[in-house]
């Protein structure tokens, strides 16, 4: 179980990282520079850095601009929620019943937790 289990987890993490980057690039026209996946017994955590587009970076100076970024990104994810969840479902053996995403516009990072 040891080596094959570790190998399967590493492969799952890599596939989820690549899928997340691809999803972001497809629907936001820019994927994150870095995507890291952490898998625990009951959840998958995806952390990304440098995910904002050039246009979005110009909107980060005030609360209104940051709110526009968060609202538009959440709306796009909601529109493609099944595909978004399938990134994890196909590579994680547990059922994904919900997810939480936090866009930290100030430091150009995001964290997504699938439970």
N, C-alpha and C. Protein backbone atom coordinates (compact mmCIF):
# COMPACT_ATOMS: atom_id res chain seq x y z
N UNK A 1 0.82 -1.19 0.00
CA UNK A 1 0.00 0.00 0.00
C UNK A 1 0.86 1.25 0.00
N UNK A 2 1.95 1.29 0.67
CA UNK A 2 2.77 2.47 0.88
C UNK A 2 3.12 3.23 -0.38
N UNK A 3 3.96 2.65 -1.23
CA UNK A 3 4.44 3.37 -2.41
C UNK A 3 3.35 3.62 -3.44
N UNK A 4 2.47 2.67 -3.67
CA UNK A 4 1.41 2.87 -4.66
C UNK A 4 0.42 3.93 -4.21
N UNK A 5 0.12 3.98 -2.91
CA UNK A 5 -0.79 4.99 -2.37
C UNK A 5 -0.19 6.38 -2.52
N UNK A 6 1.08 6.53 -2.14
CA UNK A 6 1.77 7.82 -2.25
C UNK A 6 1.84 8.25 -3.71
N UNK A 7 2.13 7.33 -4.60
CA UNK A 7 2.20 7.62 -6.03
C UNK A 7 0.84 8.07 -6.56
N UNK A 8 -0.23 7.41 -6.13
CA UNK A 8 -1.58 7.77 -6.57
C UNK A 8 -1.95 9.18 -6.09
N UNK A 9 -1.61 9.50 -4.85
CA UNK A 9 -1.90 10.83 -4.29
C UNK A 9 -1.12 11.90 -5.05
N UNK A 10 0.17 11.66 -5.31
CA UNK A 10 0.97 12.63 -6.05
C UNK A 10 0.40 12.85 -7.44
N UNK A 11 -0.01 11.77 -8.11
CA UNK A 11 -0.59 11.89 -9.43
C UNK A 11 -1.91 12.66 -9.38
N UNK A 12 -2.75 12.37 -8.39
CA UNK A 12 -4.02 13.08 -8.23
C UNK A 12 -3.79 14.57 -8.00
N UNK A 13 -2.84 14.91 -7.17
CA UNK A 13 -2.53 16.31 -6.90
C UNK A 13 -2.10 17.02 -8.19
N UNK A 14 -1.23 16.39 -8.96
CA UNK A 14 -0.73 16.99 -10.20
C UNK A 14 -1.86 17.19 -11.20
N UNK A 15 -2.74 16.20 -11.34
CA UNK A 15 -3.86 16.30 -12.27
C UNK A 15 -4.82 17.41 -11.84
N UNK A 16 -5.10 17.53 -10.54
CA UNK A 16 -5.97 18.59 -10.03
C UNK A 16 -5.33 19.95 -10.25
N UNK A 17 -4.03 20.08 -9.96
CA UNK A 17 -3.32 21.35 -10.19
C UNK A 17 -3.43 21.76 -11.66
N UNK A 18 -3.14 20.84 -12.56
CA UNK A 18 -3.20 21.13 -14.00
C UNK A 18 -4.63 21.47 -14.44
N UNK A 19 -5.61 20.73 -13.92
CA UNK A 19 -7.01 20.99 -14.25
C UNK A 19 -7.47 22.36 -13.77
N UNK A 20 -7.03 22.73 -12.58
CA UNK A 20 -7.40 24.03 -12.02
C UNK A 20 -6.79 25.16 -12.85
N UNK A 21 -5.51 25.01 -13.20
CA UNK A 21 -4.85 26.02 -14.05
C UNK A 21 -5.55 26.13 -15.39
N UNK A 22 -5.90 25.01 -15.97
CA UNK A 22 -6.57 24.99 -17.27
C UNK A 22 -7.95 25.65 -17.19
N UNK A 23 -8.71 25.34 -16.15
CA UNK A 23 -10.03 25.95 -15.95
C UNK A 23 -9.90 27.46 -15.85
N UNK A 24 -8.96 27.92 -15.03
CA UNK A 24 -8.76 29.36 -14.85
C UNK A 24 -8.34 30.02 -16.16
N UNK A 25 -7.46 29.40 -16.90
CA UNK A 25 -7.01 29.97 -18.17
C UNK A 25 -8.16 30.03 -19.18
N UNK A 26 -8.99 29.00 -19.19
CA UNK A 26 -10.10 28.94 -20.14
C UNK A 26 -11.15 30.01 -19.87
N UNK A 27 -11.53 30.20 -18.60
CA UNK A 27 -12.64 31.08 -18.30
C UNK A 27 -12.24 32.47 -17.81
N UNK A 28 -10.98 32.65 -17.41
CA UNK A 28 -10.53 33.96 -16.95
C UNK A 28 -9.40 34.52 -17.81
N UNK A 29 -9.05 33.80 -18.87
CA UNK A 29 -8.00 34.20 -19.80
C UNK A 29 -6.62 34.30 -19.18
N UNK A 30 -6.46 33.74 -17.99
CA UNK A 30 -5.14 33.68 -17.36
C UNK A 30 -5.20 32.65 -16.24
N UNK A 31 -4.30 31.71 -16.30
CA UNK A 31 -4.19 30.75 -15.22
C UNK A 31 -3.25 31.29 -14.16
N UNK A 32 -3.27 30.72 -12.97
CA UNK A 32 -2.36 31.17 -11.92
C UNK A 32 -0.92 30.75 -12.22
N UNK A 33 0.03 31.53 -11.72
CA UNK A 33 1.43 31.17 -11.88
C UNK A 33 1.74 29.90 -11.10
N UNK A 34 1.13 29.77 -9.93
CA UNK A 34 1.37 28.62 -9.06
C UNK A 34 0.04 28.08 -8.57
N UNK A 35 -0.11 26.77 -8.63
CA UNK A 35 -1.27 26.10 -8.05
C UNK A 35 -0.73 24.91 -7.25
N UNK A 36 -1.06 24.86 -5.98
CA UNK A 36 -0.64 23.76 -5.11
C UNK A 36 -1.89 23.09 -4.54
N UNK A 37 -1.87 21.77 -4.51
CA UNK A 37 -3.00 21.00 -3.99
C UNK A 37 -2.55 20.23 -2.75
N UNK A 38 -3.38 20.29 -1.73
CA UNK A 38 -3.16 19.54 -0.50
C UNK A 38 -4.38 18.66 -0.28
N UNK A 39 -4.15 17.38 -0.05
CA UNK A 39 -5.26 16.43 0.11
C UNK A 39 -5.21 15.87 1.53
N UNK A 40 -6.35 15.96 2.24
CA UNK A 40 -6.48 15.37 3.56
C UNK A 40 -7.55 14.28 3.47
N UNK A 41 -7.91 13.72 4.59
CA UNK A 41 -8.90 12.64 4.58
C UNK A 41 -10.25 13.06 4.02
N UNK A 42 -10.69 14.28 4.35
CA UNK A 42 -12.04 14.67 3.96
C UNK A 42 -12.13 15.96 3.13
N UNK A 43 -11.01 16.49 2.67
CA UNK A 43 -11.09 17.68 1.82
C UNK A 43 -9.85 17.82 0.94
N UNK A 44 -10.04 18.61 -0.11
CA UNK A 44 -8.97 18.96 -1.03
C UNK A 44 -8.83 20.48 -1.00
N UNK A 45 -7.62 20.96 -0.81
CA UNK A 45 -7.36 22.39 -0.74
C UNK A 45 -6.49 22.76 -1.93
N UNK A 46 -6.91 23.80 -2.65
CA UNK A 46 -6.14 24.31 -3.78
C UNK A 46 -5.76 25.75 -3.45
N UNK A 47 -4.45 26.02 -3.49
CA UNK A 47 -3.94 27.36 -3.23
C UNK A 47 -3.25 27.86 -4.50
N UNK A 48 -3.59 29.08 -4.92
CA UNK A 48 -3.01 29.65 -6.15
C UNK A 48 -2.41 31.03 -5.87
N UNK A 49 -1.36 31.32 -6.59
CA UNK A 49 -0.73 32.64 -6.53
C UNK A 49 -0.72 33.25 -7.93
N UNK A 50 -0.80 34.57 -7.95
CA UNK A 50 -0.74 35.36 -9.18
C UNK A 50 -1.78 34.91 -10.20
N UNK A 51 -3.04 35.08 -9.84
CA UNK A 51 -4.14 34.65 -10.70
C UNK A 51 -4.85 35.82 -11.39
N UNK A 52 -4.56 37.04 -10.99
CA UNK A 52 -5.25 38.20 -11.56
C UNK A 52 -4.74 38.54 -12.96
N UNK A 53 -5.66 38.98 -13.82
CA UNK A 53 -5.27 39.45 -15.15
C UNK A 53 -4.73 40.88 -15.02
N UNK A 54 -4.15 41.38 -16.08
CA UNK A 54 -3.62 42.76 -16.08
C UNK A 54 -4.75 43.75 -15.81
N UNK A 55 -5.89 43.56 -16.44
CA UNK A 55 -7.03 44.44 -16.22
C UNK A 55 -7.45 44.42 -14.75
N UNK A 56 -7.55 43.23 -14.17
CA UNK A 56 -7.97 43.11 -12.77
C UNK A 56 -6.98 43.77 -11.83
N UNK A 57 -5.69 43.67 -12.14
CA UNK A 57 -4.68 44.30 -11.28
C UNK A 57 -4.88 45.81 -11.23
N UNK A 58 -5.40 46.38 -12.32
CA UNK A 58 -5.67 47.83 -12.35
C UNK A 58 -6.90 48.20 -11.54
N UNK A 59 -7.70 47.22 -11.15
CA UNK A 59 -8.91 47.48 -10.37
C UNK A 59 -8.72 47.24 -8.87
N UNK A 60 -7.54 46.86 -8.45
CA UNK A 60 -7.34 46.45 -7.06
C UNK A 60 -7.11 47.60 -6.08
N UNK A 61 -7.05 48.81 -6.57
CA UNK A 61 -6.71 49.95 -5.70
C UNK A 61 -7.81 50.36 -4.74
N UNK A 62 -9.06 50.02 -5.04
CA UNK A 62 -10.14 50.42 -4.14
C UNK A 62 -11.12 49.25 -3.92
N UNK A 63 -11.99 49.43 -2.94
CA UNK A 63 -12.94 48.37 -2.59
C UNK A 63 -13.91 48.06 -3.71
N UNK A 64 -14.32 49.08 -4.45
CA UNK A 64 -15.27 48.85 -5.55
C UNK A 64 -14.65 47.95 -6.62
N UNK A 65 -13.41 48.22 -7.00
CA UNK A 65 -12.72 47.40 -7.99
C UNK A 65 -12.54 45.97 -7.51
N UNK A 66 -12.16 45.81 -6.25
CA UNK A 66 -11.99 44.47 -5.68
C UNK A 66 -13.32 43.72 -5.66
N UNK A 67 -14.39 44.44 -5.35
CA UNK A 67 -15.72 43.83 -5.33
C UNK A 67 -16.13 43.38 -6.74
N UNK A 68 -15.82 44.18 -7.75
CA UNK A 68 -16.11 43.80 -9.14
C UNK A 68 -15.39 42.52 -9.52
N UNK A 69 -14.13 42.42 -9.14
CA UNK A 69 -13.33 41.22 -9.45
C UNK A 69 -13.97 39.99 -8.80
N UNK A 70 -14.25 40.09 -7.50
CA UNK A 70 -14.81 38.95 -6.78
C UNK A 70 -16.18 38.55 -7.33
N UNK A 71 -17.02 39.52 -7.60
CA UNK A 71 -18.36 39.23 -8.11
C UNK A 71 -18.30 38.57 -9.48
N UNK A 72 -17.48 39.10 -10.37
CA UNK A 72 -17.41 38.52 -11.71
C UNK A 72 -16.82 37.12 -11.69
N UNK A 73 -15.78 36.91 -10.90
CA UNK A 73 -15.17 35.57 -10.84
C UNK A 73 -16.13 34.55 -10.22
N UNK A 74 -16.81 34.93 -9.15
CA UNK A 74 -17.76 34.01 -8.54
C UNK A 74 -18.90 33.67 -9.49
N UNK A 75 -19.36 34.66 -10.27
CA UNK A 75 -20.44 34.43 -11.23
C UNK A 75 -19.99 33.45 -12.32
N UNK A 76 -18.77 33.61 -12.81
CA UNK A 76 -18.25 32.70 -13.83
C UNK A 76 -18.12 31.29 -13.27
N UNK A 77 -17.62 31.15 -12.07
CA UNK A 77 -17.49 29.82 -11.46
C UNK A 77 -18.87 29.20 -11.26
N UNK A 78 -19.84 29.98 -10.80
CA UNK A 78 -21.19 29.45 -10.64
C UNK A 78 -21.76 28.96 -11.97
N UNK A 79 -21.46 29.67 -13.04
CA UNK A 79 -21.96 29.29 -14.37
C UNK A 79 -21.36 27.98 -14.86
N UNK A 80 -20.18 27.64 -14.35
CA UNK A 80 -19.48 26.43 -14.78
C UNK A 80 -19.17 25.53 -13.58
N UNK A 81 -20.06 25.55 -12.60
CA UNK A 81 -19.82 24.84 -11.34
C UNK A 81 -19.61 23.33 -11.52
N UNK A 82 -20.38 22.70 -12.36
CA UNK A 82 -20.23 21.25 -12.57
C UNK A 82 -18.84 20.92 -13.08
N UNK A 83 -18.38 21.67 -14.07
CA UNK A 83 -17.04 21.44 -14.61
C UNK A 83 -15.97 21.73 -13.56
N UNK A 84 -16.20 22.80 -12.79
CA UNK A 84 -15.27 23.19 -11.72
C UNK A 84 -15.13 22.06 -10.70
N UNK A 85 -16.26 21.51 -10.26
CA UNK A 85 -16.24 20.43 -9.28
C UNK A 85 -15.68 19.13 -9.86
N UNK A 86 -15.90 18.90 -11.15
CA UNK A 86 -15.38 17.68 -11.79
C UNK A 86 -13.86 17.62 -11.79
N UNK A 87 -13.20 18.76 -11.75
CA UNK A 87 -11.74 18.78 -11.68
C UNK A 87 -11.28 17.95 -10.49
N UNK A 88 -11.97 18.09 -9.38
CA UNK A 88 -11.60 17.37 -8.16
C UNK A 88 -12.28 16.01 -8.12
N UNK A 89 -13.55 15.95 -8.45
CA UNK A 89 -14.30 14.69 -8.38
C UNK A 89 -13.64 13.55 -9.15
N UNK A 90 -13.10 13.85 -10.31
CA UNK A 90 -12.50 12.81 -11.15
C UNK A 90 -11.18 12.29 -10.59
N UNK A 91 -10.58 13.02 -9.67
CA UNK A 91 -9.25 12.65 -9.18
C UNK A 91 -9.18 12.46 -7.67
N UNK A 92 -10.33 12.49 -7.02
CA UNK A 92 -10.40 12.33 -5.58
C UNK A 92 -11.53 11.35 -5.31
N UNK A 93 -11.27 10.31 -4.59
CA UNK A 93 -12.22 9.21 -4.46
C UNK A 93 -13.42 9.50 -3.56
N UNK A 94 -13.37 10.58 -2.79
CA UNK A 94 -14.49 10.93 -1.92
C UNK A 94 -15.48 11.82 -2.67
N UNK A 95 -16.73 11.84 -2.22
CA UNK A 95 -17.74 12.69 -2.83
C UNK A 95 -17.51 14.14 -2.42
N UNK A 96 -17.60 15.04 -3.36
CA UNK A 96 -17.48 16.47 -3.09
C UNK A 96 -18.89 17.03 -3.01
N UNK A 97 -19.29 17.46 -1.81
CA UNK A 97 -20.65 17.96 -1.64
C UNK A 97 -20.72 19.49 -1.67
N UNK A 98 -19.62 20.16 -1.34
CA UNK A 98 -19.61 21.62 -1.35
C UNK A 98 -18.18 22.13 -1.48
N UNK A 99 -18.08 23.41 -1.80
CA UNK A 99 -16.76 24.03 -1.88
C UNK A 99 -16.84 25.47 -1.43
N UNK A 100 -15.70 25.99 -1.04
CA UNK A 100 -15.59 27.37 -0.60
C UNK A 100 -14.39 27.96 -1.32
N UNK A 101 -14.54 29.16 -1.87
CA UNK A 101 -13.42 29.81 -2.54
C UNK A 101 -13.25 31.21 -1.99
N UNK A 102 -12.01 31.58 -1.71
CA UNK A 102 -11.69 32.89 -1.18
C UNK A 102 -10.66 33.55 -2.09
N UNK A 103 -11.06 34.65 -2.71
CA UNK A 103 -10.15 35.42 -3.55
C UNK A 103 -9.51 36.49 -2.68
N UNK A 104 -8.22 36.42 -2.47
CA UNK A 104 -7.51 37.46 -1.74
C UNK A 104 -6.91 38.41 -2.78
N UNK A 105 -7.69 39.39 -3.15
CA UNK A 105 -7.31 40.30 -4.22
C UNK A 105 -6.05 41.09 -3.84
N UNK A 106 -5.94 41.47 -2.58
CA UNK A 106 -4.82 42.29 -2.12
C UNK A 106 -3.46 41.66 -2.36
N UNK A 107 -3.35 40.34 -2.18
CA UNK A 107 -2.04 39.70 -2.41
C UNK A 107 -2.04 38.76 -3.61
N UNK A 108 -3.08 38.88 -4.46
CA UNK A 108 -3.15 38.13 -5.71
C UNK A 108 -3.03 36.62 -5.48
N UNK A 109 -3.85 36.13 -4.56
CA UNK A 109 -3.87 34.69 -4.29
C UNK A 109 -5.31 34.25 -4.04
N UNK A 110 -5.51 32.95 -4.14
CA UNK A 110 -6.82 32.41 -3.82
C UNK A 110 -6.66 31.06 -3.16
N UNK A 111 -7.66 30.70 -2.40
CA UNK A 111 -7.69 29.39 -1.75
C UNK A 111 -9.07 28.82 -1.97
N UNK A 112 -9.11 27.57 -2.37
CA UNK A 112 -10.38 26.89 -2.62
C UNK A 112 -10.35 25.57 -1.83
N UNK A 113 -11.42 25.33 -1.09
CA UNK A 113 -11.54 24.12 -0.29
C UNK A 113 -12.74 23.32 -0.78
N UNK A 114 -12.49 22.08 -1.16
CA UNK A 114 -13.54 21.16 -1.60
C UNK A 114 -13.77 20.16 -0.48
N UNK A 115 -15.04 20.02 -0.01
CA UNK A 115 -15.35 19.12 1.10
C UNK A 115 -16.34 18.06 0.67
